[in-house]
Amino acid sequence: LGALHDSASQEADPAEQAWQAISRAPLAEGESSLQIRASADSWVEISDANGQELEMDLLRGGSDKYYHGTPPFRILVGRASAVRLAIDGETVDLPALSREDVAQFSWPLDLN
């Protein structure tokens, strides 16, 4: 019972999750959504194709942030091992893109 309580306390209340989902503005044509969850303090920089800075700050551990913009995105994540990133619901494999716990890349990935 204790283990069940511990795992439940780490997740957001279902009512809060539902409110967050409906309170986000709908995406404009051609936009994508990004979600970042930081388990420890991490530096994050995100800009979109229009040069708009979506984030350039230290995200505190426990932060759960949402953004939207026009891809491709330029992304830099310091302490990448403590960050979970999803773009349009697809989880990005930050460890595969990291070097010395820093991930710097454009999304969608240019695999050429």
PDB file of N, CA and C in Angstrom:
ATOM      1  N   LEU A   1       0.823  -1.197   0.000  1.00  0.00           N
ATOM      2  CA  LEU A   1       0.000   0.000   0.000  1.00  0.00           C
ATOM      3  C   LEU A   1       0.864   1.257   0.000  1.00  0.00           C
ATOM      4  N   GLY A   2       1.968   1.226   0.749  1.00  0.00           N
ATOM      5  CA  GLY A   2       2.879   2.370   0.790  1.00  0.00           C
ATOM      6  C   GLY A   2       3.470   2.662  -0.576  1.00  0.00           C
ATOM      7  N   ALA A   3       3.879   1.607  -1.304  1.00  0.00           N
ATOM      8  CA  ALA A   3       4.469   1.803  -2.635  1.00  0.00           C
ATOM      9  C   ALA A   3       3.438   2.411  -3.586  1.00  0.00           C
ATOM     10  N   LEU A   4       2.184   1.975  -3.479  1.00  0.00           N
ATOM     11  CA  LEU A   4       1.123   2.517  -4.316  1.00  0.00           C
ATOM     12  C   LEU A   4       0.912   3.995  -4.008  1.00  0.00           C
ATOM     13  N   HIS A   5       0.903   4.340  -2.726  1.00  0.00           N
ATOM     14  CA  HIS A   5       0.727   5.731  -2.316  1.00  0.00           C
ATOM     15  C   HIS A   5       1.892   6.593  -2.811  1.00  0.00           C
ATOM     16  N   ASP A   6       3.125   6.100  -2.694  1.00  0.00           N
ATOM     17  CA  ASP A   6       4.303   6.857  -3.140  1.00  0.00           C
ATOM     18  C   ASP A   6       4.249   7.143  -4.626  1.00  0.00           C
ATOM     19  N   SER A   7       3.897   6.153  -5.444  1.00  0.00           N
ATOM     20  CA  SER A   7       3.860   6.383  -6.889  1.00  0.00           C
ATOM     21  C   SER A   7       2.725   7.329  -7.250  1.00  0.00           C
ATOM     22  N   ALA A   8       1.622   7.257  -6.558  1.00  0.00           N
ATOM     23  CA  ALA A   8       0.492   8.139  -6.841  1.00  0.00           C
ATOM     24  C   ALA A   8       0.808   9.580  -6.456  1.00  0.00           C
ATOM     25  N   SER A   9       1.582   9.770  -5.379  1.00  0.00           N
ATOM     26  CA  SER A   9       1.883  11.125  -4.936  1.00  0.00           C
ATOM     27  C   SER A   9       2.850  11.833  -5.869  1.00  0.00           C
ATOM     28  N   GLN A  10       3.606  11.089  -6.671  1.00  0.00           N
ATOM     29  CA  GLN A  10       4.565  11.694  -7.586  1.00  0.00           C
ATOM     30  C   GLN A  10       3.891  12.153  -8.873  1.00  0.00           C
ATOM     31  N   GLU A  11       2.707  11.682  -9.165  1.00  0.00           N
ATOM     32  CA  GLU A  11       2.003  12.066 -10.380  1.00  0.00           C
ATOM     33  C   GLU A  11       1.014  13.182 -10.061  1.00  0.00           C
ATOM     34  N   ALA A  12       0.717  13.977 -11.067  1.00  0.00           N
ATOM     35  CA  ALA A  12      -0.247  15.059 -10.893  1.00  0.00           C
ATOM     36  C   ALA A  12      -1.641  14.474 -10.682  1.00  0.00           C
ATOM     37  N   ASP A  13      -2.444  15.200  -9.948  1.00  0.00           N
ATOM     38  CA  ASP A  13      -3.833  14.848  -9.724  1.00  0.00           C
ATOM     39  C   ASP A  13      -4.534  14.748 -11.081  1.00  0.00           C
ATOM     40  N   PRO A  14      -5.343  13.697 -11.322  1.00  0.00           N
ATOM     41  CA  PRO A  14      -6.024  13.561 -12.618  1.00  0.00           C
ATOM     42  C   PRO A  14      -6.859  14.791 -12.986  1.00  0.00           C
ATOM     43  N   ALA A  15      -7.481  15.421 -12.019  1.00  0.00           N
ATOM     44  CA  ALA A  15      -8.262  16.624 -12.304  1.00  0.00           C
ATOM     45  C   ALA A  15      -7.348  17.748 -12.778  1.00  0.00           C
ATOM     46  N   GLU A  16      -6.154  17.876 -12.156  1.00  0.00           N
ATOM     47  CA  GLU A  16      -5.192  18.895 -12.575  1.00  0.00           C
ATOM     48  C   GLU A  16      -4.681  18.613 -13.977  1.00  0.00           C
ATOM     49  N   GLN A  17      -4.420  17.347 -14.293  1.00  0.00           N
ATOM     50  CA  GLN A  17      -3.975  16.978 -15.638  1.00  0.00           C
ATOM     51  C   GLN A  17      -5.040  17.338 -16.671  1.00  0.00           C
ATOM     52  N   ALA A  18      -6.302  17.064 -16.357  1.00  0.00           N
ATOM     53  CA  ALA A  18      -7.398  17.377 -17.280  1.00  0.00           C
ATOM     54  C   ALA A  18      -7.513  18.889 -17.480  1.00  0.00           C
ATOM     55  N   TRP A  19      -7.395  19.658 -16.397  1.00  0.00           N
ATOM     56  CA  TRP A  19      -7.481  21.112 -16.502  1.00  0.00           C
ATOM     57  C   TRP A  19      -6.344  21.654 -17.361  1.00  0.00           C
ATOM     58  N   GLN A  20      -5.117  21.145 -17.159  1.00  0.00           N
ATOM     59  CA  GLN A  20      -3.984  21.590 -17.964  1.00  0.00           C
ATOM     60  C   GLN A  20      -4.226  21.293 -19.444  1.00  0.00           C
ATOM     61  N   ALA A  21      -4.782  20.131 -19.736  1.00  0.00           N
ATOM     62  CA  ALA A  21      -5.011  19.738 -21.133  1.00  0.00           C
ATOM     63  C   ALA A  21      -6.014  20.657 -21.823  1.00  0.00           C
ATOM     64  N   ILE A  22      -7.102  21.010 -21.136  1.00  0.00           N
ATOM     65  CA  ILE A  22      -8.121  21.836 -21.786  1.00  0.00           C
ATOM     66  C   ILE A  22      -7.790  23.321 -21.739  1.00  0.00           C
ATOM     67  N   SER A  23      -6.884  23.731 -20.845  1.00  0.00           N
ATOM     68  CA  SER A  23      -6.572  25.152 -20.732  1.00  0.00           C
ATOM     69  C   SER A  23      -5.504  25.591 -21.722  1.00  0.00           C
ATOM     70  N   ARG A  24      -4.846  24.674 -22.408  1.00  0.00           N
ATOM     71  CA  ARG A  24      -3.843  25.034 -23.413  1.00  0.00           C
ATOM     72  C   ARG A  24      -4.531  25.496 -24.691  1.00  0.00           C
ATOM     73  N   ALA A  25      -3.968  26.536 -25.273  1.00  0.00           N
ATOM     74  CA  ALA A  25      -4.527  27.052 -26.522  1.00  0.00           C
ATOM     75  C   ALA A  25      -4.338  26.018 -27.631  1.00  0.00           C
ATOM     76  N   PRO A  26      -5.296  25.910 -28.548  1.00  0.00           N
ATOM     77  CA  PRO A  26      -5.126  24.992 -29.673  1.00  0.00           C
ATOM     78  C   PRO A  26      -3.955  25.445 -30.544  1.00  0.00           C
ATOM     79  N   LEU A  27      -3.308  24.479 -31.179  1.00  0.00           N
ATOM     80  CA  LEU A  27      -2.166  24.781 -32.031  1.00  0.00           C
ATOM     81  C   LEU A  27      -2.627  25.391 -33.349  1.00  0.00           C
ATOM     82  N   ALA A  28      -1.881  26.373 -33.811  1.00  0.00           N
ATOM     83  CA  ALA A  28      -2.141  26.956 -35.130  1.00  0.00           C
ATOM     84  C   ALA A  28      -1.625  25.988 -36.190  1.00  0.00           C
ATOM     85  N   GLU A  29      -2.082  26.175 -37.398  1.00  0.00           N
ATOM     86  CA  GLU A  29      -1.635  25.348 -38.520  1.00  0.00           C
ATOM     87  C   GLU A  29      -0.112  25.388 -38.613  1.00  0.00           C
ATOM     88  N   GLY A  30       0.518  24.217 -38.687  1.00  0.00           N
ATOM     89  CA  GLY A  30       1.965  24.121 -38.826  1.00  0.00           C
ATOM     90  C   GLY A  30       2.738  24.173 -37.525  1.00  0.00           C
ATOM     91  N   GLU A  31       2.061  24.379 -36.401  1.00  0.00           N
ATOM     92  CA  GLU A  31       2.746  24.429 -35.117  1.00  0.00           C
ATOM     93  C   GLU A  31       2.865  23.037 -34.511  1.00  0.00           C
ATOM     94  N   SER A  32       3.822  22.906 -33.618  1.00  0.00           N
ATOM     95  CA  SER A  32       4.023  21.680 -32.859  1.00  0.00           C
ATOM     96  C   SER A  32       4.041  22.021 -31.374  1.00  0.00           C
ATOM     97  N   SER A  33       3.764  21.029 -30.548  1.00  0.00           N
ATOM     98  CA  SER A  33       3.798  21.224 -29.108  1.00  0.00           C
ATOM     99  C   SER A  33       5.005  20.500 -28.519  1.00  0.00           C
ATOM    100  N   LEU A  34       5.553  21.083 -27.461  1.00  0.00           N
ATOM    101  CA  LEU A  34       6.670  20.487 -26.745  1.00  0.00           C
ATOM    102  C   LEU A  34       6.310  20.416 -25.275  1.00  0.00           C
ATOM    103  N   GLN A  35       6.679  19.324 -24.635  1.00  0.00           N
ATOM    104  CA  GLN A  35       6.493  19.172 -23.196  1.00  0.00           C
ATOM    105  C   GLN A  35       7.835  18.794 -22.600  1.00  0.00           C
ATOM    106  N   ILE A  36       8.209  19.492 -21.539  1.00  0.00           N
ATOM    107  CA  ILE A  36       9.457  19.199 -20.836  1.00  0.00           C
ATOM    108  C   ILE A  36       9.127  18.936 -19.380  1.00  0.00           C
ATOM    109  N   ARG A  37       9.672  17.856 -18.880  1.00  0.00           N
ATOM    110  CA  ARG A  37       9.554  17.524 -17.457  1.00  0.00           C
ATOM    111  C   ARG A  37      10.974  17.370 -16.917  1.00  0.00           C
ATOM    112  N   ALA A  38      11.344  18.199 -15.945  1.00  0.00           N
ATOM    113  CA  ALA A  38      12.684  18.168 -15.359  1.00  0.00           C
ATOM    114  C   ALA A  38      12.616  17.522 -13.983  1.00  0.00           C
ATOM    115  N   SER A  39      13.419  16.490 -13.769  1.00  0.00           N
ATOM    116  CA  SER A  39      13.457  15.834 -12.455  1.00  0.00           C
ATOM    117  C   SER A  39      14.512  16.463 -11.554  1.00  0.00           C
ATOM    118  N   ALA A  40      15.408  17.275 -12.133  1.00  0.00           N
ATOM    119  CA  ALA A  40      16.418  18.035 -11.388  1.00  0.00           C
ATOM    120  C   ALA A  40      16.654  19.331 -12.145  1.00  0.00           C
ATOM    121  N   ASP A  41      17.257  20.312 -11.495  1.00  0.00           N
ATOM    122  CA  ASP A  41      17.528  21.585 -12.151  1.00  0.00           C
ATOM    123  C   ASP A  41      18.287  21.352 -13.450  1.00  0.00           C
ATOM    124  N   SER A  42      17.818  21.961 -14.531  1.00  0.00           N
ATOM    125  CA  SER A  42      18.405  21.763 -15.865  1.00  0.00           C
ATOM    126  C   SER A  42      18.285  23.055 -16.671  1.00  0.00           C
ATOM    127  N   TRP A  43      19.312  23.339 -17.470  1.00  0.00           N
ATOM    128  CA  TRP A  43      19.284  24.511 -18.343  1.00  0.00           C
ATOM    129  C   TRP A  43      18.612  24.120 -19.655  1.00  0.00           C
ATOM    130  N   VAL A  44      17.683  24.945 -20.128  1.00  0.00           N
ATOM    131  CA  VAL A  44      16.962  24.638 -21.364  1.00  0.00           C
ATOM    132  C   VAL A  44      16.895  25.883 -22.243  1.00  0.00           C
ATOM    133  N   GLU A  45      17.236  25.700 -23.516  1.00  0.00           N
ATOM    134  CA  GLU A  45      17.076  26.746 -24.522  1.00  0.00           C
ATOM    135  C   GLU A  45      16.301  26.141 -25.697  1.00  0.00           C
ATOM    136  N   ILE A  46      15.218  26.788 -26.081  1.00  0.00           N
ATOM    137  CA  ILE A  46      14.419  26.333 -27.217  1.00  0.00           C
ATOM    138  C   ILE A  46      14.035  27.549 -28.044  1.00  0.00           C
ATOM    139  N   SER A  47      14.289  27.487 -29.349  1.00  0.00           N
ATOM    140  CA  SER A  47      13.806  28.520 -30.262  1.00  0.00           C
ATOM    141  C   SER A  47      13.174  27.819 -31.460  1.00  0.00           C
ATOM    142  N   ASP A  48      12.229  28.516 -32.085  1.00  0.00           N
ATOM    143  CA  ASP A  48      11.530  27.896 -33.217  1.00  0.00           C
ATOM    144  C   ASP A  48      12.040  28.452 -34.541  1.00  0.00           C
ATOM    145  N   ALA A  49      11.419  28.031 -35.635  1.00  0.00           N
ATOM    146  CA  ALA A  49      11.854  28.416 -36.985  1.00  0.00           C
ATOM    147  C   ALA A  49      11.770  29.913 -37.221  1.00  0.00           C
ATOM    148  N   ASN A  50      10.897  30.590 -36.484  1.00  0.00           N
ATOM    149  CA  ASN A  50      10.741  32.036 -36.623  1.00  0.00           C
ATOM    150  C   ASN A  50      11.723  32.815 -35.756  1.00  0.00           C
ATOM    151  N   GLY A  51      12.591  32.104 -35.051  1.00  0.00           N
ATOM    152  CA  GLY A  51      13.552  32.752 -34.169  1.00  0.00           C
ATOM    153  C   GLY A  51      12.975  33.135 -32.818  1.00  0.00           C
ATOM    154  N   GLN A  52      11.738  32.744 -32.558  1.00  0.00           N
ATOM    155  CA  GLN A  52      11.109  33.053 -31.272  1.00  0.00           C
ATOM    156  C   GLN A  52      11.707  32.173 -30.190  1.00  0.00           C
ATOM    157  N   GLU A  53      12.185  32.800 -29.092  1.00  0.00           N
ATOM    158  CA  GLU A  53      12.689  32.045 -27.951  1.00  0.00           C
ATOM    159  C   GLU A  53      11.506  31.528 -27.153  1.00  0.00           C
ATOM    160  N   LEU A  54      11.362  30.213 -27.118  1.00  0.00           N
ATOM    161  CA  LEU A  54      10.290  29.618 -26.330  1.00  0.00           C
ATOM    162  C   LEU A  54      10.731  29.444 -24.885  1.00  0.00           C
ATOM    163  N   GLU A  55      12.037  29.202 -24.692  1.00  0.00           N
ATOM    164  CA  GLU A  55      12.589  29.067 -23.340  1.00  0.00           C
ATOM    165  C   GLU A  55      14.069  29.352 -23.398  1.00  0.00           C
ATOM    166  N   MET A  56      14.570  29.991 -22.365  1.00  0.00           N
ATOM    167  CA  MET A  56      15.998  30.190 -22.178  1.00  0.00           C
ATOM    168  C   MET A  56      16.176  30.462 -20.690  1.00  0.00           C
ATOM    169  N   ASP A  57      16.210  29.361 -19.918  1.00  0.00           N
ATOM    170  CA  ASP A  57      16.228  29.533 -18.476  1.00  0.00           C
ATOM    171  C   ASP A  57      16.577  28.223 -17.793  1.00  0.00           C
ATOM    172  N   LEU A  58      16.826  28.330 -16.507  1.00  0.00           N
ATOM    173  CA  LEU A  58      17.022  27.170 -15.652  1.00  0.00           C
ATOM    174  C   LEU A  58      15.653  26.663 -15.236  1.00  0.00           C
ATOM    175  N   LEU A  59      15.348  25.414 -15.579  1.00  0.00           N
ATOM    176  CA  LEU A  59      14.098  24.812 -15.125  1.00  0.00           C
ATOM    177  C   LEU A  59      14.392  24.064 -13.838  1.00  0.00           C
ATOM    178  N   ARG A  60      13.629  24.320 -12.838  1.00  0.00           N
ATOM    179  CA  ARG A  60      13.804  23.686 -11.534  1.00  0.00           C
ATOM    180  C   ARG A  60      13.301  22.253 -11.577  1.00  0.00           C
ATOM    181  N   GLY A  61      13.938  21.392 -10.798  1.00  0.00           N
ATOM    182  CA  GLY A  61      13.488  20.009 -10.680  1.00  0.00           C
ATOM    183  C   GLY A  61      12.028  19.987 -10.268  1.00  0.00           C
ATOM    184  N   GLY A  62      11.264  19.121 -10.890  1.00  0.00           N
ATOM    185  CA  GLY A  62       9.828  19.044 -10.629  1.00  0.00           C
ATOM    186  C   GLY A  62       9.009  19.885 -11.588  1.00  0.00           C
ATOM    187  N   SER A  63       9.676  20.690 -12.427  1.00  0.00           N
ATOM    188  CA  SER A  63       8.960  21.522 -13.402  1.00  0.00           C
ATOM    189  C   SER A  63       8.364  20.670 -14.508  1.00  0.00           C
ATOM    190  N   ASP A  64       7.223  21.080 -14.977  1.00  0.00           N
ATOM    191  CA  ASP A  64       6.548  20.454 -16.108  1.00  0.00           C
ATOM    192  C   ASP A  64       6.046  21.605 -16.973  1.00  0.00           C
ATOM    193  N   LYS A  65       6.688  21.830 -18.126  1.00  0.00           N
ATOM    194  CA  LYS A  65       6.396  22.992 -18.957  1.00  0.00           C
ATOM    195  C   LYS A  65       5.904  22.567 -20.330  1.00  0.00           C
ATOM    196  N   TYR A  66       5.066  23.418 -20.914  1.00  0.00           N
ATOM    197  CA  TYR A  66       4.515  23.197 -22.254  1.00  0.00           C
ATOM    198  C   TYR A  66       4.805  24.415 -23.120  1.00  0.00           C
ATOM    199  N   TYR A  67       5.119  24.160 -24.391  1.00  0.00           N
ATOM    200  CA  TYR A  67       5.409  25.218 -25.344  1.00  0.00           C
ATOM    201  C   TYR A  67       4.768  24.856 -26.679  1.00  0.00           C
ATOM    202  N   HIS A  68       4.668  25.837 -27.560  1.00  0.00           N
ATOM    203  CA  HIS A  68       4.258  25.565 -28.935  1.00  0.00           C
ATOM    204  C   HIS A  68       4.960  26.558 -29.833  1.00  0.00           C
ATOM    205  N   GLY A  69       5.253  26.109 -31.045  1.00  0.00           N
ATOM    206  CA  GLY A  69       5.927  26.961 -32.003  1.00  0.00           C
ATOM    207  C   GLY A  69       6.022  26.250 -33.343  1.00  0.00           C
ATOM    208  N   THR A  70       6.710  26.902 -34.261  1.00  0.00           N
ATOM    209  CA  THR A  70       6.844  26.385 -35.617  1.00  0.00           C
ATOM    210  C   THR A  70       8.177  25.663 -35.773  1.00  0.00           C
ATOM    211  N   PRO A  71       8.144  24.369 -36.145  1.00  0.00           N
ATOM    212  CA  PRO A  71       9.405  23.646 -36.354  1.00  0.00           C
ATOM    213  C   PRO A  71      10.090  24.094 -37.637  1.00  0.00           C
ATOM    214  N   PRO A  72      11.375  23.890 -37.773  1.00  0.00           N
ATOM    215  CA  PRO A  72      12.220  23.125 -36.860  1.00  0.00           C
ATOM    216  C   PRO A  72      12.607  23.942 -35.622  1.00  0.00           C
ATOM    217  N   PHE A  73      12.865  23.210 -34.541  1.00  0.00           N
ATOM    218  CA  PHE A  73      13.270  23.809 -33.279  1.00  0.00           C
ATOM    219  C   PHE A  73      14.762  23.628 -33.077  1.00  0.00           C
ATOM    220  N   ARG A  74      15.395  24.615 -32.482  1.00  0.00           N
ATOM    221  CA  ARG A  74      16.776  24.480 -32.018  1.00  0.00           C
ATOM    222  C   ARG A  74      16.701  24.291 -30.520  1.00  0.00           C
ATOM    223  N   ILE A  75      17.286  23.206 -30.041  1.00  0.00           N
ATOM    224  CA  ILE A  75      17.126  22.816 -28.637  1.00  0.00           C
ATOM    225  C   ILE A  75      18.486  22.553 -28.020  1.00  0.00           C
ATOM    226  N   LEU A  76      18.687  23.094 -26.825  1.00  0.00           N
ATOM    227  CA  LEU A  76      19.862  22.800 -26.014  1.00  0.00           C
ATOM    228  C   LEU A  76      19.371  22.460 -24.616  1.00  0.00           C
ATOM    229  N   VAL A  77      19.828  21.321 -24.101  1.00  0.00           N
ATOM    230  CA  VAL A  77      19.422  20.893 -22.762  1.00  0.00           C
ATOM    231  C   VAL A  77      20.675  20.527 -21.980  1.00  0.00           C
ATOM    232  N   GLY A  78      20.913  21.252 -20.901  1.00  0.00           N
ATOM    233  CA  GLY A  78      21.994  20.925 -19.987  1.00  0.00           C
ATOM    234  C   GLY A  78      21.447  20.031 -18.888  1.00  0.00           C
ATOM    235  N   ARG A  79      22.223  19.061 -18.466  1.00  0.00           N
ATOM    236  CA  ARG A  79      21.783  18.021 -17.538  1.00  0.00           C
ATOM    237  C   ARG A  79      20.635  17.247 -18.180  1.00  0.00           C
ATOM    238  N   ALA A  80      20.894  16.820 -19.407  1.00  0.00           N
ATOM    239  CA  ALA A  80      19.881  16.136 -20.209  1.00  0.00           C
ATOM    240  C   ALA A  80      19.374  14.858 -19.543  1.00  0.00           C
ATOM    241  N   SER A  81      20.190  14.246 -18.706  1.00  0.00           N
ATOM    242  CA  SER A  81      19.770  13.012 -18.037  1.00  0.00           C
ATOM    243  C   SER A  81      18.612  13.245 -17.068  1.00  0.00           C
ATOM    244  N   ALA A  82      18.356  14.494 -16.711  1.00  0.00           N
ATOM    245  CA  ALA A  82      17.278  14.810 -15.775  1.00  0.00           C
ATOM    246  C   ALA A  82      16.045  15.377 -16.475  1.00  0.00           C
ATOM    247  N   VAL A  83      16.026  15.316 -17.811  1.00  0.00           N
ATOM    248  CA  VAL A  83      14.934  15.930 -18.567  1.00  0.00           C
ATOM    249  C   VAL A  83      14.243  14.901 -19.443  1.00  0.00           C
ATOM    250  N   ARG A  84      12.929  14.973 -19.458  1.00  0.00           N
ATOM    251  CA  ARG A  84      12.121  14.186 -20.389  1.00  0.00           C
ATOM    252  C   ARG A  84      11.462  15.175 -21.337  1.00  0.00           C
ATOM    253  N   LEU A  85      11.686  14.986 -22.635  1.00  0.00           N
ATOM    254  CA  LEU A  85      11.168  15.885 -23.657  1.00  0.00           C
ATOM    255  C   LEU A  85      10.281  15.105 -24.612  1.00  0.00           C
ATOM    256  N   ALA A  86       9.114  15.659 -24.888  1.00  0.00           N
ATOM    257  CA  ALA A  86       8.221  15.070 -25.888  1.00  0.00           C
ATOM    258  C   ALA A  86       7.808  16.182 -26.854  1.00  0.00           C
ATOM    259  N   ILE A  87       7.833  15.850 -28.148  1.00  0.00           N
ATOM    260  CA  ILE A  87       7.404  16.790 -29.171  1.00  0.00           C
ATOM    261  C   ILE A  87       6.242  16.146 -29.919  1.00  0.00           C
ATOM    262  N   ASP A  88       5.104  16.828 -29.911  1.00  0.00           N
ATOM    263  CA  ASP A  88       3.866  16.299 -30.492  1.00  0.00           C
ATOM    264  C   ASP A  88       3.566  14.904 -29.947  1.00  0.00           C
ATOM    265  N   GLY A  89       3.828  14.716 -28.653  1.00  0.00           N
ATOM    266  CA  GLY A  89       3.532  13.446 -27.984  1.00  0.00           C
ATOM    267  C   GLY A  89       4.585  12.374 -28.169  1.00  0.00           C
ATOM    268  N   GLU A  90       5.592  12.629 -29.008  1.00  0.00           N
ATOM    269  CA  GLU A  90       6.645  11.647 -29.261  1.00  0.00           C
ATOM    270  C   GLU A  90       7.840  11.946 -28.358  1.00  0.00           C
ATOM    271  N   THR A  91       8.215  10.974 -27.525  1.00  0.00           N
ATOM    272  CA  THR A  91       9.341  11.155 -26.623  1.00  0.00           C
ATOM    273  C   THR A  91      10.645  11.209 -27.408  1.00  0.00           C
ATOM    274  N   VAL A  92      11.463  12.207 -27.109  1.00  0.00           N
ATOM    275  CA  VAL A  92      12.762  12.378 -27.749  1.00  0.00           C
ATOM    276  C   VAL A  92      13.804  11.652 -26.902  1.00  0.00           C
ATOM    277  N   ASP A  93      14.642  10.845 -27.537  1.00  0.00           N
ATOM    278  CA  ASP A  93      15.679  10.079 -26.849  1.00  0.00           C
ATOM    279  C   ASP A  93      16.874  10.994 -26.579  1.00  0.00           C
ATOM    280  N   LEU A  94      16.789  11.783 -25.500  1.00  0.00           N
ATOM    281  CA  LEU A  94      17.856  12.728 -25.190  1.00  0.00           C
ATOM    282  C   LEU A  94      19.203  12.053 -24.918  1.00  0.00           C
ATOM    283  N   PRO A  95      19.258  10.915 -24.220  1.00  0.00           N
ATOM    284  CA  PRO A  95      20.571  10.285 -24.016  1.00  0.00           C
ATOM    285  C   PRO A  95      21.297   9.984 -25.324  1.00  0.00           C
ATOM    286  N   ALA A  96      20.564   9.599 -26.364  1.00  0.00           N
ATOM    287  CA  ALA A  96      21.188   9.300 -27.652  1.00  0.00           C
ATOM    288  C   ALA A  96      21.727  10.560 -28.323  1.00  0.00           C
ATOM    289  N   LEU A  97      21.194  11.720 -27.959  1.00  0.00           N
ATOM    290  CA  LEU A  97      21.603  12.993 -28.563  1.00  0.00           C
ATOM    291  C   LEU A  97      22.571  13.771 -27.683  1.00  0.00           C
ATOM    292  N   SER A  98      22.952  13.183 -26.536  1.00  0.00           N
ATOM    293  CA  SER A  98      23.750  13.891 -25.542  1.00  0.00           C
ATOM    294  C   SER A  98      25.225  13.538 -25.608  1.00  0.00           C
ATOM    295  N   ARG A  99      26.000  14.518 -25.207  1.00  0.00           N
ATOM    296  CA  ARG A  99      27.433  14.323 -25.022  1.00  0.00           C
ATOM    297  C   ARG A  99      27.791  15.052 -23.730  1.00  0.00           C
ATOM    298  N   GLU A 100      28.350  14.320 -22.787  1.00  0.00           N
ATOM    299  CA  GLU A 100      28.685  14.867 -21.473  1.00  0.00           C
ATOM    300  C   GLU A 100      27.468  15.516 -20.819  1.00  0.00           C
ATOM    301  N   ASP A 101      26.319  14.850 -20.950  1.00  0.00           N
ATOM    302  CA  ASP A 101      25.046  15.238 -20.340  1.00  0.00           C
ATOM    303  C   ASP A 101      24.474  16.549 -20.900  1.00  0.00           C
ATOM    304  N   VAL A 102      24.898  16.934 -22.106  1.00  0.00           N
ATOM    305  CA  VAL A 102      24.343  18.098 -22.790  1.00  0.00           C
ATOM    306  C   VAL A 102      23.834  17.642 -24.155  1.00  0.00           C
ATOM    307  N   ALA A 103      22.582  17.969 -24.441  1.00  0.00           N
ATOM    308  CA  ALA A 103      21.994  17.641 -25.744  1.00  0.00           C
ATOM    309  C   ALA A 103      21.794  18.943 -26.509  1.00  0.00           C
ATOM    310  N   GLN A 104      22.313  18.990 -27.736  1.00  0.00           N
ATOM    311  CA  GLN A 104      22.125  20.156 -28.592  1.00  0.00           C
ATOM    312  C   GLN A 104      21.804  19.641 -29.985  1.00  0.00           C
ATOM    313  N   PHE A 105      20.605  20.004 -30.491  1.00  0.00           N
ATOM    314  CA  PHE A 105      20.142  19.453 -31.762  1.00  0.00           C
ATOM    315  C   PHE A 105      19.012  20.299 -32.328  1.00  0.00           C
ATOM    316  N   SER A 106      18.670  20.026 -33.568  1.00  0.00           N
ATOM    317  CA  SER A 106      17.493  20.612 -34.215  1.00  0.00           C
ATOM    318  C   SER A 106      16.448  19.517 -34.346  1.00  0.00           C
ATOM    319  N   TRP A 107      15.180  19.895 -34.226  1.00  0.00           N
ATOM    320  CA  TRP A 107      14.095  18.919 -34.365  1.00  0.00           C
ATOM    321  C   TRP A 107      13.090  19.439 -35.364  1.00  0.00           C
ATOM    322  N   PRO A 108      12.677  18.703 -36.341  1.00  0.00           N
ATOM    323  CA  PRO A 108      13.012  17.291 -36.545  1.00  0.00           C
ATOM    324  C   PRO A 108      14.498  17.126 -36.881  1.00  0.00           C
ATOM    325  N   LEU A 109      14.985  15.951 -36.529  1.00  0.00           N
ATOM    326  CA  LEU A 109      16.386  15.655 -36.727  1.00  0.00           C
ATOM    327  C   LEU A 109      16.735  15.657 -38.209  1.00  0.00           C
ATOM    328  N   ASP A 110      17.875  16.242 -38.529  1.00  0.00           N
ATOM    329  CA  ASP A 110      18.395  16.203 -39.897  1.00  0.00           C
ATOM    330  C   ASP A 110      19.365  15.028 -39.952  1.00  0.00           C
ATOM    331  N   LEU A 111      18.942  13.934 -40.521  1.00  0.00           N
ATOM    332  CA  LEU A 111      19.741  12.708 -40.511  1.00  0.00           C
ATOM    333  C   LEU A 111      20.658  12.594 -41.724  1.00  0.00           C
ATOM    334  N   ASN A 112      20.759  13.635 -42.531  1.00  0.00           N
ATOM    335  CA  ASN A 112      21.655  13.598 -43.705  1.00  0.00           C
ATOM    336  C   ASN A 112      23.083  13.849 -43.312  1.00  0.00           C
TER     337      ASN A 112
END
